[in-house]
């Protein structure tokens, strides 16, 4: 039983280490001018900070499939954004 707890602890530590490495790598890239250009473009094409709702122009009803698509698309950037430092978020998003 002790082995299972040790494996879980090691798995948690490994995951935390990988998350830290990922955060450092993303911020190292984002802190460069080319990184800023890339992440700004990524935010734009992912629809970050835009309305996710899509209205059918004929019926004036919300198109749920297209709206869900937009939410999922924005999720790509949001998944990366959580690793960005406050300074890099400001540089990229303003």
C-alpha atoms as a PDB file:
ATOM      1  CA  UNK A   1       0.000   0.000   0.000  1.00  0.00           C
ATOM      2  CA  UNK A   2       2.908   2.352   0.703  1.00  0.00           C
ATOM      3  CA  UNK A   3       4.198   1.872  -2.852  1.00  0.00           C
ATOM      4  CA  UNK A   4       0.965   3.203  -4.310  1.00  0.00           C
ATOM      5  CA  UNK A   5       1.189   6.377  -2.178  1.00  0.00           C
ATOM      6  CA  UNK A   6       4.825   6.844  -3.211  1.00  0.00           C
ATOM      7  CA  UNK A   7       3.922   6.423  -6.888  1.00  0.00           C
ATOM      8  CA  UNK A   8       1.093   8.939  -6.537  1.00  0.00           C
ATOM      9  CA  UNK A   9       3.467  11.398  -4.834  1.00  0.00           C
ATOM     10  CA  UNK A  10       6.082  10.917  -7.562  1.00  0.00           C
ATOM     11  CA  UNK A  11       3.431  11.326 -10.269  1.00  0.00           C
ATOM     12  CA  UNK A  12       2.218  14.548  -8.652  1.00  0.00           C
ATOM     13  CA  UNK A  13       5.765  15.890  -8.350  1.00  0.00           C
ATOM     14  CA  UNK A  14       6.505  14.943 -11.967  1.00  0.00           C
ATOM     15  CA  UNK A  15       3.347  16.694 -13.128  1.00  0.00           C
ATOM     16  CA  UNK A  16       4.217  19.821 -11.137  1.00  0.00           C
ATOM     17  CA  UNK A  17       7.744  19.814 -12.578  1.00  0.00           C
ATOM     18  CA  UNK A  18       6.413  19.499 -16.128  1.00  0.00           C
ATOM     19  CA  UNK A  19       3.886  22.296 -15.517  1.00  0.00           C
ATOM     20  CA  UNK A  20       6.674  24.539 -14.189  1.00  0.00           C
ATOM     21  CA  UNK A  21       8.859  23.740 -17.210  1.00  0.00           C
ATOM     22  CA  UNK A  22       5.949  24.449 -19.550  1.00  0.00           C
ATOM     23  CA  UNK A  23       5.191  27.762 -17.842  1.00  0.00           C
ATOM     24  CA  UNK A  24       8.836  28.821 -18.068  1.00  0.00           C
ATOM     25  CA  UNK A  25       9.050  27.831 -21.746  1.00  0.00           C
ATOM     26  CA  UNK A  26       5.839  29.640 -22.697  1.00  0.00           C
ATOM     27  CA  UNK A  27       6.933  32.795 -20.881  1.00  0.00           C
ATOM     28  CA  UNK A  28      10.409  32.676 -22.386  1.00  0.00           C
ATOM     29  CA  UNK A  29       8.847  32.606 -25.846  1.00  0.00           C
ATOM     30  CA  UNK A  30       6.175  35.202 -25.004  1.00  0.00           C
ATOM     31  CA  UNK A  31       8.746  37.659 -23.669  1.00  0.00           C
ATOM     32  CA  UNK A  32      10.349  37.979 -27.114  1.00  0.00           C
ATOM     33  CA  UNK A  33       9.015  40.265 -29.849  1.00  0.00           C
ATOM     34  CA  UNK A  34       8.314  37.280 -32.115  1.00  0.00           C
ATOM     35  CA  UNK A  35       6.567  35.530 -29.231  1.00  0.00           C
ATOM     36  CA  UNK A  36       4.373  38.576 -28.696  1.00  0.00           C
ATOM     37  CA  UNK A  37       3.439  38.586 -32.385  1.00  0.00           C
ATOM     38  CA  UNK A  38       2.686  34.863 -32.315  1.00  0.00           C
ATOM     39  CA  UNK A  39       0.604  34.869 -29.121  1.00  0.00           C
ATOM     40  CA  UNK A  40      -1.299  37.998 -30.192  1.00  0.00           C
ATOM     41  CA  UNK A  41      -2.175  36.271 -33.460  1.00  0.00           C
ATOM     42  CA  UNK A  42      -3.134  33.079 -31.656  1.00  0.00           C
ATOM     43  CA  UNK A  43      -5.436  35.018 -29.311  1.00  0.00           C
ATOM     44  CA  UNK A  44      -7.058  36.717 -32.287  1.00  0.00           C
ATOM     45  CA  UNK A  45      -7.697  33.575 -34.336  1.00  0.00           C
ATOM     46  CA  UNK A  46      -8.984  31.781 -31.230  1.00  0.00           C
ATOM     47  CA  UNK A  47     -11.552  34.524 -30.674  1.00  0.00           C
ATOM     48  CA  UNK A  48     -10.172  35.563 -27.301  1.00  0.00           C
ATOM     49  CA  UNK A  49     -12.146  38.372 -25.618  1.00  0.00           C
ATOM     50  CA  UNK A  50     -14.827  38.274 -28.298  1.00  0.00           C
ATOM     51  CA  UNK A  51     -18.467  37.258 -28.029  1.00  0.00           C
ATOM     52  CA  UNK A  52     -18.799  33.510 -28.360  1.00  0.00           C
ATOM     53  CA  UNK A  53     -22.516  33.586 -29.161  1.00  0.00           C
ATOM     54  CA  UNK A  54     -23.500  33.216 -32.813  1.00  0.00           C
ATOM     55  CA  UNK A  55     -26.918  34.389 -33.920  1.00  0.00           C
ATOM     56  CA  UNK A  56     -28.738  32.971 -36.929  1.00  0.00           C
ATOM     57  CA  UNK A  57     -29.379  36.012 -39.145  1.00  0.00           C
ATOM     58  CA  UNK A  58     -32.690  34.607 -40.395  1.00  0.00           C
ATOM     59  CA  UNK A  59     -34.329  33.397 -37.183  1.00  0.00           C
ATOM     60  CA  UNK A  60     -32.446  35.674 -34.737  1.00  0.00           C
ATOM     61  CA  UNK A  61     -31.931  32.620 -32.521  1.00  0.00           C
ATOM     62  CA  UNK A  62     -28.613  31.636 -30.993  1.00  0.00           C
ATOM     63  CA  UNK A  63     -26.884  28.959 -33.049  1.00  0.00           C
ATOM     64  CA  UNK A  64     -25.746  26.596 -30.301  1.00  0.00           C
ATOM     65  CA  UNK A  65     -23.409  24.498 -32.447  1.00  0.00           C
ATOM     66  CA  UNK A  66     -21.497  27.518 -33.746  1.00  0.00           C
ATOM     67  CA  UNK A  67     -21.459  29.070 -30.275  1.00  0.00           C
ATOM     68  CA  UNK A  68     -20.008  25.885 -28.777  1.00  0.00           C
ATOM     69  CA  UNK A  69     -17.426  25.802 -31.559  1.00  0.00           C
ATOM     70  CA  UNK A  70     -16.355  29.343 -30.645  1.00  0.00           C
ATOM     71  CA  UNK A  71     -16.109  28.449 -26.955  1.00  0.00           C
ATOM     72  CA  UNK A  72     -13.918  25.441 -27.774  1.00  0.00           C
ATOM     73  CA  UNK A  73     -11.768  27.545 -30.108  1.00  0.00           C
ATOM     74  CA  UNK A  74     -11.238  30.188 -27.422  1.00  0.00           C
ATOM     75  CA  UNK A  75     -10.375  27.385 -25.001  1.00  0.00           C
ATOM     76  CA  UNK A  76      -7.207  26.670 -26.971  1.00  0.00           C
ATOM     77  CA  UNK A  77      -5.820  30.117 -26.152  1.00  0.00           C
ATOM     78  CA  UNK A  78      -7.193  30.077 -22.593  1.00  0.00           C
ATOM     79  CA  UNK A  79      -5.396  26.790 -21.956  1.00  0.00           C
ATOM     80  CA  UNK A  80      -2.099  28.405 -22.909  1.00  0.00           C
ATOM     81  CA  UNK A  81      -2.930  31.769 -21.314  1.00  0.00           C
ATOM     82  CA  UNK A  82      -3.089  30.289 -17.819  1.00  0.00           C
ATOM     83  CA  UNK A  83       0.686  29.798 -17.992  1.00  0.00           C
ATOM     84  CA  UNK A  84       1.479  33.364 -19.085  1.00  0.00           C
ATOM     85  CA  UNK A  85       2.842  35.786 -16.530  1.00  0.00           C
ATOM     86  CA  UNK A  86       0.868  38.943 -15.810  1.00  0.00           C
ATOM     87  CA  UNK A  87       3.479  41.006 -17.656  1.00  0.00           C
ATOM     88  CA  UNK A  88       3.270  38.847 -20.771  1.00  0.00           C
ATOM     89  CA  UNK A  89      -0.546  38.889 -20.715  1.00  0.00           C
ATOM     90  CA  UNK A  90      -0.413  42.689 -20.715  1.00  0.00           C
ATOM     91  CA  UNK A  91       2.158  42.807 -23.553  1.00  0.00           C
ATOM     92  CA  UNK A  92       0.184  40.355 -25.686  1.00  0.00           C
ATOM     93  CA  UNK A  93      -3.406  41.332 -25.044  1.00  0.00           C
ATOM     94  CA  UNK A  94      -3.262  45.122 -24.963  1.00  0.00           C
END
